[in-house]
C-alpha atoms as a PDB file:
ATOM      1  CA  MET A   1      -0.064  -0.312   0.030  1.00  0.00           C
ATOM      2  CA  THR A   2       1.365   3.549  -0.858  1.00  0.00           C
ATOM      3  CA  THR A   3       1.047   5.933   2.073  1.00  0.00           C
ATOM      4  CA  LEU A   4      -0.044   9.443   0.890  1.00  0.00           C
ATOM      5  CA  SER A   5       0.926  12.578   2.197  1.00  0.00           C
ATOM      6  CA  VAL A   6      -0.668  16.133   2.112  1.00  0.00           C
ATOM      7  CA  GLY A   7       1.108  18.424  -0.488  1.00  0.00           C
ATOM      8  CA  MET A   8      -1.310  21.161  -0.631  1.00  0.00           C
ATOM      9  CA  ILE A   9      -4.720  22.398   0.651  1.00  0.00           C
ATOM     10  CA  THR A  10      -6.753  24.494  -1.929  1.00  0.00           C
ATOM     11  CA  PHE A  11      -9.565  26.631  -1.582  1.00  0.00           C
ATOM     12  CA  ASP A  12     -11.928  27.997  -4.624  1.00  0.00           C
ATOM     13  CA  THR A  13     -12.433  31.793  -4.483  1.00  0.00           C
ATOM     14  CA  THR A  14     -13.595  34.547  -6.644  1.00  0.00           C
ATOM     15  CA  ASP A  15     -10.319  36.348  -5.777  1.00  0.00           C
ATOM     16  CA  ALA A  16      -7.213  34.166  -5.352  1.00  0.00           C
ATOM     17  CA  VAL A  17      -4.610  36.936  -4.600  1.00  0.00           C
ATOM     18  CA  ALA A  18      -6.992  38.525  -1.916  1.00  0.00           C
ATOM     19  CA  LEU A  19      -7.544  35.124  -0.117  1.00  0.00           C
ATOM     20  CA  ALA A  20      -3.993  33.958  -0.169  1.00  0.00           C
ATOM     21  CA  THR A  21      -2.617  37.250   0.804  1.00  0.00           C
ATOM     22  CA  TRP A  22      -5.230  37.132   3.849  1.00  0.00           C
ATOM     23  CA  TRP A  23      -3.886  33.459   4.838  1.00  0.00           C
ATOM     24  CA  ALA A  24      -0.142  34.478   4.172  1.00  0.00           C
ATOM     25  CA  ARG A  25      -0.691  37.114   7.136  1.00  0.00           C
ATOM     26  CA  HIS A  26      -2.051  34.676   9.130  1.00  0.00           C
ATOM     27  CA  VAL A  27       0.043  31.343   8.942  1.00  0.00           C
ATOM     28  CA  GLY A  28       3.648  33.436   8.280  1.00  0.00           C
ATOM     29  CA  GLY A  29       3.509  32.043   4.698  1.00  0.00           C
ATOM     30  CA  THR A  30       4.874  33.593   1.336  1.00  0.00           C
ATOM     31  CA  VAL A  31       2.285  34.246  -1.619  1.00  0.00           C
ATOM     32  CA  ARG A  32       3.462  32.727  -5.010  1.00  0.00           C
ATOM     33  CA  ASP A  33       1.276  33.796  -7.851  1.00  0.00           C
ATOM     34  CA  GLU A  34       2.792  32.154 -10.777  1.00  0.00           C
ATOM     35  CA  ALA A  35      -0.443  32.231 -12.844  1.00  0.00           C
ATOM     36  CA  GLY A  36      -1.601  35.594 -13.132  1.00  0.00           C
ATOM     37  CA  GLY A  37      -3.820  35.352 -10.479  1.00  0.00           C
ATOM     38  CA  TRP A  38      -5.530  32.202 -11.336  1.00  0.00           C
ATOM     39  CA  PHE A  39      -3.910  30.030  -9.060  1.00  0.00           C
ATOM     40  CA  VAL A  40      -2.105  31.500  -6.085  1.00  0.00           C
ATOM     41  CA  THR A  41      -0.298  29.368  -3.417  1.00  0.00           C
ATOM     42  CA  VAL A  42       0.936  30.144   0.044  1.00  0.00           C
ATOM     43  CA  GLU A  43       4.172  28.531   1.041  1.00  0.00           C
ATOM     44  CA  ARG A  44       4.594  27.710   4.378  1.00  0.00           C
ATOM     45  CA  PRO A  45       7.790  26.465   6.200  1.00  0.00           C
ATOM     46  CA  ASP A  46       6.127  23.953   8.866  1.00  0.00           C
ATOM     47  CA  GLY A  47       3.201  22.118   6.572  1.00  0.00           C
ATOM     48  CA  PRO A  48       1.449  21.893   3.512  1.00  0.00           C
ATOM     49  CA  ALA A  49       1.144  25.208   1.439  1.00  0.00           C
ATOM     50  CA  LEU A  50      -2.440  26.416   0.784  1.00  0.00           C
ATOM     51  CA  ALA A  51      -3.719  27.150  -2.766  1.00  0.00           C
ATOM     52  CA  PHE A  52      -6.413  29.553  -3.729  1.00  0.00           C
ATOM     53  CA  GLN A  53      -7.923  28.579  -7.248  1.00  0.00           C
ATOM     54  CA  LYS A  54     -10.070  31.317  -9.025  1.00  0.00           C
ATOM     55  CA  VAL A  55     -13.472  29.893  -9.975  1.00  0.00           C
ATOM     56  CA  ALA A  56     -16.433  31.906 -11.358  1.00  0.00           C
ATOM     57  CA  ASP A  57     -18.950  30.185  -8.792  1.00  0.00           C
ATOM     58  CA  PRO A  58     -17.281  28.655  -5.473  1.00  0.00           C
ATOM     59  CA  THR A  59     -19.357  25.740  -4.311  1.00  0.00           C
ATOM     60  CA  PRO A  60     -22.376  27.387  -1.840  1.00  0.00           C
ATOM     61  CA  GLY A  61     -23.117  25.928   1.600  1.00  0.00           C
ATOM     62  CA  LYS A  62     -21.319  24.602   4.439  1.00  0.00           C
ATOM     63  CA  ASN A  63     -17.513  23.181   3.974  1.00  0.00           C
ATOM     64  CA  ARG A  64     -17.012  19.753   3.423  1.00  0.00           C
ATOM     65  CA  VAL A  65     -13.167  19.970   4.697  1.00  0.00           C
ATOM     66  CA  HIS A  66     -12.001  22.492   7.069  1.00  0.00           C
ATOM     67  CA  LEU A  67      -8.594  23.550   8.538  1.00  0.00           C
ATOM     68  CA  ASP A  68      -7.819  22.764  12.192  1.00  0.00           C
ATOM     69  CA  MET A  69      -5.096  25.378  13.379  1.00  0.00           C
ATOM     70  CA  HIS A  70      -3.475  25.523  16.907  1.00  0.00           C
ATOM     71  CA  ALA A  71      -2.050  28.236  18.770  1.00  0.00           C
ATOM     72  CA  GLN A  72      -0.437  29.020  22.087  1.00  0.00           C
ATOM     73  CA  ASP A  73      -2.790  31.938  23.057  1.00  0.00           C
ATOM     74  CA  ARG A  74      -6.089  30.923  21.329  1.00  0.00           C
ATOM     75  CA  GLU A  75      -7.971  34.158  22.289  1.00  0.00           C
ATOM     76  CA  THR A  76      -5.245  36.659  21.185  1.00  0.00           C
ATOM     77  CA  ALA A  77      -5.321  34.584  17.921  1.00  0.00           C
ATOM     78  CA  VAL A  78      -9.090  34.778  17.384  1.00  0.00           C
ATOM     79  CA  ARG A  79      -9.023  38.607  18.103  1.00  0.00           C
ATOM     80  CA  ALA A  80      -6.446  39.323  15.541  1.00  0.00           C
ATOM     81  CA  LEU A  81      -8.417  37.206  12.863  1.00  0.00           C
ATOM     82  CA  LEU A  82     -11.401  38.872  13.854  1.00  0.00           C
ATOM     83  CA  ALA A  83      -9.873  42.483  13.308  1.00  0.00           C
ATOM     84  CA  ASP A  84      -8.457  41.220  10.075  1.00  0.00           C
ATOM     85  CA  GLY A  85     -11.734  40.282   8.509  1.00  0.00           C
ATOM     86  CA  ALA A  86     -12.397  36.713   9.852  1.00  0.00           C
ATOM     87  CA  SER A  87     -16.097  36.043  11.327  1.00  0.00           C
ATOM     88  CA  LEU A  88     -17.150  34.030  14.144  1.00  0.00           C
ATOM     89  CA  VAL A  89     -19.125  31.284  13.806  1.00  0.00           C
ATOM     90  CA  ALA A  90     -19.089  29.663  17.233  1.00  0.00           C
ATOM     91  CA  GLN A  91     -17.200  29.140  20.307  1.00  0.00           C
ATOM     92  CA  GLN A  92     -17.211  25.158  21.433  1.00  0.00           C
ATOM     93  CA  GLU A  93     -15.322  23.270  24.032  1.00  0.00           C
ATOM     94  CA  MET A  94     -15.045  19.758  25.707  1.00  0.00           C
ATOM     95  CA  PRO A  95     -13.427  18.515  28.735  1.00  0.00           C
ATOM     96  CA  GLY A  96      -9.716  19.636  28.420  1.00  0.00           C
ATOM     97  CA  PHE A  97     -10.102  21.246  25.007  1.00  0.00           C
ATOM     98  CA  ARG A  98     -11.557  24.493  23.193  1.00  0.00           C
ATOM     99  CA  TRP A  99     -11.836  25.875  19.950  1.00  0.00           C
ATOM    100  CA  THR A 100     -13.403  28.501  18.176  1.00  0.00           C
ATOM    101  CA  VAL A 101     -14.961  28.125  14.654  1.00  0.00           C
ATOM    102  CA  LEU A 102     -14.229  31.224  12.294  1.00  0.00           C
ATOM    103  CA  SER A 103     -14.820  31.961   8.467  1.00  0.00           C
ATOM    104  CA  ASP A 104     -12.256  33.412   6.157  1.00  0.00           C
ATOM    105  CA  PRO A 105     -13.501  36.706   4.208  1.00  0.00           C
ATOM    106  CA  ASP A 106     -14.772  34.045   1.231  1.00  0.00           C
ATOM    107  CA  GLY A 107     -16.866  32.130   4.126  1.00  0.00           C
ATOM    108  CA  ASN A 108     -14.337  29.208   4.487  1.00  0.00           C
ATOM    109  CA  GLN A 109     -14.806  27.933   7.934  1.00  0.00           C
ATOM    110  CA  PHE A 110     -11.768  26.695  10.097  1.00  0.00           C
ATOM    111  CA  CYS A 111     -11.152  26.350  13.589  1.00  0.00           C
ATOM    112  CA  ILE A 112      -8.437  27.663  16.009  1.00  0.00           C
ATOM    113  CA  ALA A 113      -7.911  25.510  18.989  1.00  0.00           C
ATOM    114  CA  GLN A 114      -6.259  24.989  22.205  1.00  0.00           C
ATOM    115  CA  ALA A 115      -5.895  22.488  24.831  1.00  0.00           C
ATOM    116  CA  ASP A 116      -6.692  23.661  28.069  1.00  0.00           C
ATOM    117  CA  GLY A 117      -3.601  24.312  30.094  1.00  0.00           C
ATOM    118  CA  ALA A 118      -1.534  24.832  27.174  1.00  0.00           C
END
């Protein structure tokens, strides 16, 4: 059996450059636009690249895939994301673990998590 590895996570968007730039600010990545704004990547030093593909009509409705991100200080990270255009979807918790569900400026949901005591 062949083992797969994640090379890239791709989002559909109507403005690939703008959304890639937004995400790059928050993941410490570098924007690479080698396709004239049609397909833009955010290269990250510690994980898979994020890619943003320009489409005329992104799939509507709830995401079927989302990013789970971790932060040393979840509340500070969430405040910074909200100040930069993210939207709050929900606050969640279970014993020993808390997370905040946000959406990026295009409505793609993602989570910021922090284990209690971390």
